Amino acid sequence: MRKSSLSTLIASVLLAATASSAASDPGSGHKDSGDPVVSGAVFSNPTVDNGDGVGQHIRRLVDQVSPGEQIRVANFVISGDTGMDFTESLLGAHDRGVQVQVILDGWQIDKPAAALLIDELGTDKSAGSWVHVCGNLSPEGTTSSCIGTKGQHNKFYLFSKVGDKKNVIVQSSANFTDRNVLSYWNNAVTLVGNHRLYGAYNEYFSDMLKEEQDPDYHWSRSTGGPDGPVTVSFFPSVSDPVEDRLRELGCKQNGRSEIRIGMSEWDGARAGIAQQLAQMQQQGCQVKVVHGPIDDEVRAIFDSSGIDHRALSTNEMPGRIHSKYLIAKGLTGRQSGSQLVITGSHNFNHTSLHRNDETYLEIRNRDIYKEYEENFETMWNTAVTE
């Protein structure tokens, strides 16, 4: 364990955290387990003792990265025993010669897991491994951003090579915290071998390191790849690209078009999305929503338009949805495809759109859609009817 070095860091930055709660990860060494690295989705379901499904998946990938390769992480919070497990996996990779580069929000970096990671990797970006903490403290005085004005809320992971697979991307909704394991529903999608998409994520990663605030930073990149057409979008933004995307799509009659949404947070600033969905419901789409906390304005739009919605909004079982995704099939319109998935770190709220460093990813792939469709049905059957 690295307790002495952690103490040095804490003393130097006048933090109160100690290393007494640090837990070692037996998987921090290079297992090279031979687990197949394939494109697809994984989910965390706290009701079936799989609350760490996303974290386990990401740590397995870390454990398979060979010396000389690179791991890049953009994460909001790394804390608790769950965060320590992840930190030890990353430090194990660093110890065997992997470049590990991490961008963190400034919130909870005094906790043992994040503090240990910063202490061991350092902050010198001329080195192979390092941690960068976003330096633009929010007016609220808690979180910090690299580009926006509130927080660095991303949860994505870039692997130059895992096993024999190059350019591996994981886009997730989960933070590495104990709460995310104990009671949150999350998702992560892995895409393998799309070098142009990998390049876009790396370009955004580099932009965050510049610490240049821009309220209308938003840009997107669309590309083909082994898993079909994909589009990645980065935030903050002045306009609402989710609402704009829905306007490009249409519905078939007789319920042959379906839209399913699993959304952690939805406030009145994004009521335009709900209004667009209400129009699509009237056009013939079948819309269902599983949500966490939502504003009354959004709820009223659902109710008046006949959109079915259920809640997963408690830290007690059956838990709280922390995923942020929209899936659809049978739509018409621009680049609708037969199935599409939009997922990422981006909530349907003002903060995610206008103030945070965020990412969402649109995928048009039948197999990945089916995985999300199954997950939605599980949440729907578990959620509380309001």
Protein backbone atom coordinates (compact mmCIF):
# COMPACT_ATOMS: atom_id res chain seq x y z
CA MET A 1 0.00 0.00 0.00
CA ARG A 2 1.08 3.60 -0.59
CA LYS A 3 -0.02 5.11 2.74
CA SER A 4 3.13 7.10 3.41
CA SER A 5 3.01 8.87 0.05
CA LEU A 6 -0.64 9.63 0.58
CA SER A 7 0.17 11.26 3.90
CA THR A 8 2.78 13.42 2.21
CA LEU A 9 0.22 14.67 -0.30
CA ILE A 10 -2.35 15.39 2.37
CA ALA A 11 0.13 17.37 4.42
CA SER A 12 1.27 19.37 1.41
CA VAL A 13 -2.23 20.42 0.39
CA LEU A 14 -3.60 20.75 3.94
CA LEU A 15 -6.28 18.13 3.44
CA ALA A 16 -7.95 16.22 6.23
CA ALA A 17 -8.27 12.90 4.44
CA THR A 18 -6.32 9.92 5.73
CA ALA A 19 -5.42 6.66 4.12
CA SER A 20 -6.89 4.51 6.88
CA SER A 21 -9.92 3.60 4.75
CA ALA A 22 -7.88 2.69 1.69
CA ALA A 23 -8.64 -0.78 0.44
CA SER A 24 -6.30 -2.72 -1.79
CA ASP A 25 -7.52 -4.25 -5.04
CA PRO A 26 -6.37 -7.82 -5.61
CA GLY A 27 -6.74 -7.14 -9.32
CA SER A 28 -4.26 -4.27 -9.41
CA GLY A 29 -1.61 -6.43 -11.05
CA HIS A 30 -1.52 -7.25 -14.76
CA LYS A 31 -3.85 -10.21 -14.94
CA ASP A 32 -4.07 -10.29 -18.73
CA SER A 33 -7.14 -12.41 -18.14
CA GLY A 34 -7.86 -12.96 -21.81
CA ASP A 35 -11.42 -11.68 -21.39
CA PRO A 36 -12.75 -10.85 -24.85
CA VAL A 37 -12.69 -7.15 -25.66
CA VAL A 38 -15.75 -6.56 -27.80
CA SER A 39 -18.15 -3.75 -28.56
CA GLY A 40 -21.31 -3.77 -26.49
CA ALA A 41 -23.03 -2.51 -23.37
CA VAL A 42 -22.83 -3.42 -19.68
CA PHE A 43 -25.20 -2.36 -16.91
CA SER A 44 -25.30 -1.97 -13.15
CA ASN A 45 -28.44 -3.29 -11.48
CA PRO A 46 -28.30 -2.81 -7.69
CA THR A 47 -31.30 -5.07 -7.06
CA VAL A 48 -29.48 -8.22 -8.20
CA ASP A 49 -26.12 -7.65 -6.50
CA ASN A 50 -24.65 -6.24 -9.69
CA GLY A 51 -24.29 -2.63 -8.66
CA ASP A 52 -20.64 -2.71 -9.66
CA GLY A 53 -21.22 -4.16 -13.12
CA VAL A 54 -19.87 -1.08 -14.89
CA GLY A 55 -16.89 -0.69 -12.55
CA GLN A 56 -15.92 -4.34 -12.86
CA HIS A 57 -15.99 -4.06 -16.63
CA ILE A 58 -13.72 -1.01 -16.70
CA ARG A 59 -11.27 -2.49 -14.20
CA ARG A 60 -11.06 -5.69 -16.29
CA LEU A 61 -10.05 -3.59 -19.28
CA VAL A 62 -7.44 -1.72 -17.23
CA ASP A 63 -5.97 -5.03 -16.07
CA GLN A 64 -5.47 -6.17 -19.67
CA VAL A 65 -3.51 -3.14 -20.89
CA SER A 66 0.11 -4.00 -21.64
CA PRO A 67 3.24 -1.96 -20.86
CA GLY A 68 3.86 0.87 -23.29
CA GLU A 69 0.17 1.50 -23.99
CA GLN A 70 -1.95 4.44 -22.80
CA ILE A 71 -5.08 4.82 -20.67
CA ARG A 72 -6.90 8.15 -20.54
CA VAL A 73 -9.67 8.77 -18.00
CA ALA A 74 -12.08 11.70 -17.65
CA ASN A 75 -14.10 11.19 -14.48
CA PHE A 76 -16.19 13.31 -12.14
CA VAL A 77 -15.62 11.66 -8.76
CA ILE A 78 -13.38 8.83 -7.52
CA SER A 79 -14.07 8.12 -3.83
CA GLY A 80 -14.82 5.48 -1.22
CA ASP A 81 -13.88 1.81 -1.38
CA THR A 82 -15.16 1.67 -4.97
CA GLY A 83 -12.89 4.53 -5.94
CA MET A 84 -9.95 2.96 -4.16
CA ASP A 85 -10.43 -0.26 -6.12
CA PHE A 86 -10.28 1.76 -9.33
CA THR A 87 -7.28 3.79 -8.15
CA GLU A 88 -5.35 0.63 -7.32
CA SER A 89 -6.14 -0.80 -10.77
CA LEU A 90 -4.86 2.36 -12.43
CA LEU A 91 -1.73 2.43 -10.25
CA GLY A 92 -1.12 -1.22 -11.05
CA ALA A 93 -1.19 -0.36 -14.74
CA HIS A 94 1.17 2.57 -14.13
CA ASP A 95 3.58 0.35 -12.18
CA ARG A 96 3.86 -2.08 -15.09
CA GLY A 97 4.66 0.68 -17.60
CA VAL A 98 1.31 1.89 -18.88
CA GLN A 99 0.84 5.63 -19.36
CA VAL A 100 -2.12 6.61 -17.17
CA GLN A 101 -3.51 10.10 -17.70
CA VAL A 102 -6.52 11.30 -15.71
CA ILE A 103 -8.68 14.44 -15.71
CA LEU A 104 -10.76 14.98 -12.56
CA ASP A 105 -13.29 17.48 -11.34
CA GLY A 106 -12.03 19.32 -8.28
CA TRP A 107 -14.78 17.93 -6.04
CA GLN A 108 -13.74 15.35 -3.41
CA ILE A 109 -10.11 15.20 -4.48
CA ASP A 110 -9.27 15.26 -0.76
CA LYS A 111 -10.83 11.80 -0.38
CA PRO A 112 -8.29 8.98 -0.02
CA ALA A 113 -8.87 7.38 -3.45
CA ALA A 114 -8.40 10.54 -5.50
CA ALA A 115 -5.66 11.87 -3.22
CA LEU A 116 -3.67 8.66 -3.58
CA LEU A 117 -4.01 8.73 -7.35
CA ILE A 118 -2.81 12.33 -7.50
CA ASP A 119 0.08 11.63 -5.15
CA GLU A 120 1.32 8.57 -7.03
CA LEU A 121 0.89 9.84 -10.59
CA GLY A 122 1.75 13.46 -9.91
CA THR A 123 0.57 16.45 -11.91
CA ASP A 124 3.49 16.94 -14.32
CA LYS A 125 1.97 16.57 -17.79
CA SER A 126 5.41 16.26 -19.37
CA ALA A 127 5.61 12.85 -17.70
CA GLY A 128 3.98 9.74 -19.11
CA SER A 129 1.43 9.46 -16.30
CA TRP A 130 -0.31 12.27 -14.44
CA VAL A 131 -3.55 13.65 -12.99
CA HIS A 132 -5.00 16.99 -14.05
CA VAL A 133 -7.59 18.58 -11.76
CA CYS A 134 -9.80 21.08 -13.58
CA GLY A 135 -9.00 24.52 -12.22
CA ASN A 136 -12.09 26.64 -12.90
CA LEU A 137 -13.83 26.62 -9.53
CA SER A 138 -17.59 26.96 -9.89
CA PRO A 139 -19.36 29.98 -8.38
CA GLU A 140 -20.97 27.51 -5.99
CA GLY A 141 -17.49 26.76 -4.68
CA THR A 142 -17.65 22.96 -4.86
CA THR A 143 -17.07 21.51 -8.31
CA SER A 144 -14.63 22.73 -10.97
CA SER A 145 -14.61 22.61 -14.74
CA CYS A 146 -12.02 22.66 -17.47
CA ILE A 147 -14.22 24.25 -20.18
CA GLY A 148 -17.62 25.01 -18.62
CA THR A 149 -18.55 27.00 -15.52
CA LYS A 150 -19.80 24.26 -13.16
CA GLY A 151 -18.10 20.86 -13.26
CA GLN A 152 -16.12 18.27 -15.20
CA HIS A 153 -18.91 15.68 -15.22
CA ASN A 154 -17.52 13.27 -17.83
CA LYS A 155 -17.20 9.52 -17.38
CA PHE A 156 -15.21 8.14 -20.31
CA TYR A 157 -12.15 5.90 -20.70
CA LEU A 158 -9.76 5.63 -23.65
CA PHE A 159 -7.43 2.66 -24.13
CA SER A 160 -4.86 2.73 -26.91
CA LYS A 161 -4.88 -1.06 -26.85
CA VAL A 162 -6.54 -3.73 -24.70
CA GLY A 163 -5.26 -7.21 -25.40
CA ASP A 164 -4.98 -7.22 -29.19
CA LYS A 165 -7.71 -4.61 -29.75
CA LYS A 166 -6.74 -1.03 -30.56
CA ASN A 167 -8.63 2.21 -29.94
CA VAL A 168 -11.03 1.03 -27.23
CA ILE A 169 -13.56 3.60 -25.93
CA VAL A 170 -15.85 3.23 -22.93
CA GLN A 171 -18.58 5.84 -22.49
CA SER A 172 -20.30 5.50 -19.12
CA SER A 173 -22.84 7.15 -16.84
CA ALA A 174 -21.24 5.91 -13.61
CA ASN A 175 -18.90 7.54 -11.13
CA PHE A 176 -16.48 5.46 -9.09
CA THR A 177 -18.24 5.99 -5.75
CA ASP A 178 -19.82 3.67 -3.22
CA ARG A 179 -23.26 5.19 -3.81
CA ASN A 180 -23.05 4.27 -7.47
CA VAL A 181 -22.48 0.66 -6.48
CA LEU A 182 -24.98 0.40 -3.63
CA SER A 183 -28.12 1.83 -5.20
CA TYR A 184 -27.61 3.35 -8.66
CA TRP A 185 -28.63 1.98 -12.05
CA ASN A 186 -25.88 2.78 -14.60
CA ASN A 187 -24.68 1.84 -18.05
CA ALA A 188 -21.52 1.82 -20.12
CA VAL A 189 -20.97 1.15 -23.80
CA THR A 190 -17.68 -0.07 -25.26
CA LEU A 191 -16.69 0.57 -28.88
CA VAL A 192 -13.63 -1.10 -30.36
CA GLY A 193 -11.49 -0.17 -33.34
CA ASN A 194 -13.02 3.14 -34.45
CA HIS A 195 -9.90 5.26 -34.85
CA ARG A 196 -11.73 8.43 -35.93
CA LEU A 197 -14.05 8.33 -32.94
CA TYR A 198 -11.06 7.60 -30.70
CA GLY A 199 -9.36 10.64 -32.19
CA ALA A 200 -12.36 12.86 -31.45
CA TYR A 201 -12.37 11.84 -27.79
CA ASN A 202 -8.64 12.49 -27.58
CA GLU A 203 -9.09 15.92 -29.18
CA TYR A 204 -11.69 16.80 -26.55
CA PHE A 205 -9.46 15.41 -23.79
CA SER A 206 -6.64 17.69 -24.98
CA ASP A 207 -8.99 20.68 -25.13
CA MET A 208 -9.95 20.16 -21.50
CA LEU A 209 -6.29 20.35 -20.53
CA LYS A 210 -6.08 23.86 -22.01
CA GLU A 211 -8.40 25.20 -19.28
CA GLU A 212 -10.10 27.63 -21.69
CA GLN A 213 -13.67 28.32 -20.61
CA ASP A 214 -16.21 28.51 -23.44
CA PRO A 215 -19.98 28.52 -22.82
CA ASP A 216 -20.59 27.45 -26.43
CA TYR A 217 -17.82 24.91 -26.82
CA HIS A 218 -20.19 22.29 -28.29
CA TRP A 219 -19.04 20.31 -31.31
CA SER A 220 -19.78 16.90 -32.78
CA ARG A 221 -18.07 14.37 -34.99
CA SER A 222 -19.81 11.67 -37.02
CA THR A 223 -18.04 8.66 -38.40
CA GLY A 224 -18.59 5.14 -39.58
CA GLY A 225 -16.78 2.26 -37.99
CA PRO A 226 -16.87 -1.43 -37.19
CA ASP A 227 -20.08 -0.93 -35.19
CA GLY A 228 -21.89 1.29 -37.67
CA PRO A 229 -22.49 5.05 -37.74
CA VAL A 230 -21.70 6.97 -34.56
CA THR A 231 -21.79 10.63 -33.55
CA VAL A 232 -20.10 12.02 -30.45
CA SER A 233 -21.03 15.42 -29.00
CA PHE A 234 -19.18 17.51 -26.42
CA PHE A 235 -20.46 20.24 -24.10
CA PRO A 236 -21.21 22.93 -22.84
CA SER A 237 -23.57 24.33 -25.48
CA VAL A 238 -25.83 27.35 -25.90
CA SER A 239 -28.45 25.48 -27.97
CA ASP A 240 -29.93 22.05 -27.20
CA PRO A 241 -28.64 19.41 -29.64
CA VAL A 242 -30.85 16.71 -28.11
CA GLU A 243 -33.97 18.71 -28.91
CA ASP A 244 -32.57 19.50 -32.35
CA ARG A 245 -31.90 15.82 -33.02
CA LEU A 246 -35.43 14.81 -32.10
CA ARG A 247 -36.79 17.40 -34.55
CA GLU A 248 -34.98 15.58 -37.33
CA LEU A 249 -36.84 12.35 -36.58
CA GLY A 250 -40.39 11.23 -37.21
CA CYS A 251 -42.83 8.51 -36.17
CA LYS A 252 -44.69 5.79 -37.99
CA GLN A 253 -48.34 5.28 -37.19
CA ASN A 254 -49.93 2.51 -35.16
CA GLY A 255 -47.20 2.37 -32.54
CA ARG A 256 -44.52 0.99 -34.82
CA SER A 257 -42.07 3.61 -33.59
CA GLU A 258 -40.78 3.36 -30.02
CA ILE A 259 -38.78 5.78 -27.89
CA ARG A 260 -37.48 4.70 -24.49
CA ILE A 261 -35.67 7.05 -22.11
CA GLY A 262 -33.78 6.31 -18.91
CA MET A 263 -32.82 9.67 -17.40
CA SER A 264 -31.26 10.48 -14.07
CA GLU A 265 -32.26 14.16 -13.89
CA TRP A 266 -34.66 16.26 -15.97
CA ASP A 267 -35.46 19.88 -15.17
CA GLY A 268 -37.65 22.58 -16.62
CA ALA A 269 -34.80 24.14 -18.57
CA ARG A 270 -34.96 21.08 -20.83
CA ALA A 271 -38.76 21.01 -21.11
CA GLY A 272 -38.28 21.47 -24.84
CA ILE A 273 -37.17 17.85 -25.09
CA ALA A 274 -40.33 16.74 -23.30
CA GLN A 275 -42.46 18.91 -25.59
CA GLN A 276 -40.83 17.42 -28.66
CA LEU A 277 -41.47 13.93 -27.31
CA ALA A 278 -45.10 14.86 -26.69
CA GLN A 279 -45.44 15.86 -30.33
CA MET A 280 -43.89 12.58 -31.40
CA GLN A 281 -46.28 10.71 -29.12
CA GLN A 282 -49.18 12.41 -30.91
CA GLN A 283 -47.63 11.52 -34.28
CA GLY A 284 -47.71 7.82 -33.42
CA CYS A 285 -44.57 7.08 -31.42
CA GLN A 286 -44.87 5.07 -28.23
CA VAL A 287 -42.82 6.92 -25.61
CA LYS A 288 -41.90 5.53 -22.19
CA VAL A 289 -39.66 7.17 -19.58
CA VAL A 290 -37.94 5.86 -16.46
CA HIS A 291 -36.63 8.82 -14.50
CA GLY A 292 -35.05 10.05 -11.33
CA PRO A 293 -35.91 13.54 -10.03
CA ILE A 294 -37.89 15.57 -12.59
CA ASP A 295 -39.43 19.05 -12.45
CA ASP A 296 -43.18 19.48 -12.27
CA GLU A 297 -43.15 21.18 -15.67
CA VAL A 298 -41.72 18.08 -17.30
CA ARG A 299 -44.09 15.79 -15.42
CA ALA A 300 -47.06 17.89 -16.56
CA ILE A 301 -46.02 17.53 -20.20
CA PHE A 302 -45.80 13.76 -19.80
CA ASP A 303 -49.21 13.54 -18.19
CA SER A 304 -51.01 15.83 -20.63
CA SER A 305 -49.59 14.03 -23.67
CA GLY A 306 -50.11 10.47 -22.42
CA ILE A 307 -46.42 9.62 -22.13
CA ASP A 308 -46.01 6.69 -19.73
CA HIS A 309 -43.45 7.35 -17.03
CA ARG A 310 -42.20 5.60 -13.91
CA ALA A 311 -39.70 6.58 -11.22
CA LEU A 312 -36.46 5.14 -9.89
CA SER A 313 -35.59 8.02 -7.59
CA THR A 314 -34.53 6.74 -4.17
CA ASN A 315 -31.25 5.69 -2.61
CA GLU A 316 -33.13 2.80 -1.02
CA MET A 317 -34.14 -0.23 -3.07
CA PRO A 318 -35.26 -0.46 -5.83
CA GLY A 319 -32.68 2.29 -6.24
CA ARG A 320 -32.10 5.41 -8.28
CA ILE A 321 -31.54 5.63 -11.99
CA HIS A 322 -28.19 7.26 -12.77
CA SER A 323 -28.13 6.29 -16.46
CA LYS A 324 -28.71 8.98 -19.05
CA TYR A 325 -29.89 7.44 -22.30
CA LEU A 326 -32.47 7.63 -25.05
CA ILE A 327 -33.10 4.69 -27.38
CA ALA A 328 -35.45 4.47 -30.35
CA LYS A 329 -36.46 2.12 -33.12
CA GLY A 330 -38.74 2.36 -36.13
CA LEU A 331 -38.29 6.10 -36.54
CA THR A 332 -38.26 8.00 -39.80
CA GLY A 333 -36.26 11.05 -40.77
CA ARG A 334 -32.64 12.08 -41.07
CA GLN A 335 -30.18 9.27 -40.28
CA SER A 336 -32.75 7.50 -38.16
CA GLY A 337 -31.52 3.99 -38.95
CA SER A 338 -33.53 1.07 -37.70
CA GLN A 339 -32.33 1.49 -34.10
CA LEU A 340 -30.40 4.21 -32.31
CA VAL A 341 -28.93 4.74 -28.85
CA ILE A 342 -27.93 8.09 -27.34
CA THR A 343 -26.02 7.71 -24.07
CA GLY A 344 -23.33 9.39 -22.01
CA SER A 345 -22.77 11.56 -18.94
CA HIS A 346 -25.28 14.20 -20.03
CA ASN A 347 -28.43 14.72 -17.95
CA PHE A 348 -31.46 16.51 -19.34
CA ASN A 349 -30.90 19.56 -17.16
CA HIS A 350 -29.58 23.10 -17.44
CA THR A 351 -26.25 22.29 -15.85
CA SER A 352 -25.33 19.47 -18.24
CA LEU A 353 -26.27 21.52 -21.28
CA HIS A 354 -24.93 24.95 -20.45
CA ARG A 355 -22.34 24.64 -17.69
CA ASN A 356 -20.67 21.22 -17.49
CA ASP A 357 -17.94 19.45 -19.38
CA GLU A 358 -20.01 16.54 -20.75
CA THR A 359 -20.20 13.97 -23.53
CA TYR A 360 -22.95 12.03 -25.22
CA LEU A 361 -22.64 9.42 -27.92
CA GLU A 362 -25.17 8.37 -30.57
CA ILE A 363 -24.83 4.82 -31.91
CA ARG A 364 -26.86 3.17 -34.66
CA ASN A 365 -26.27 -0.51 -34.07
CA ARG A 366 -28.92 -3.22 -33.74
CA ASP A 367 -27.11 -5.43 -31.23
CA ILE A 368 -26.22 -2.57 -28.90
CA TYR A 369 -29.77 -1.28 -29.16
CA LYS A 370 -31.13 -4.66 -28.06
CA GLU A 371 -28.89 -4.60 -24.97
CA TYR A 372 -30.23 -1.20 -23.98
CA GLU A 373 -33.79 -2.22 -24.78
CA GLU A 374 -33.49 -5.17 -22.42
CA ASN A 375 -32.02 -2.96 -19.70
CA PHE A 376 -34.84 -0.46 -20.10
CA GLU A 377 -37.46 -3.18 -19.75
CA THR A 378 -35.76 -4.35 -16.55
CA MET A 379 -35.84 -0.83 -15.13
CA TRP A 380 -39.43 -0.29 -16.32
CA ASN A 381 -40.62 -3.42 -14.58
CA THR A 382 -38.79 -2.41 -11.41
CA ALA A 383 -39.69 1.29 -11.35
CA VAL A 384 -42.54 2.83 -9.39
CA THR A 385 -45.70 3.90 -11.21
CA GLU A 386 -46.59 7.49 -10.30
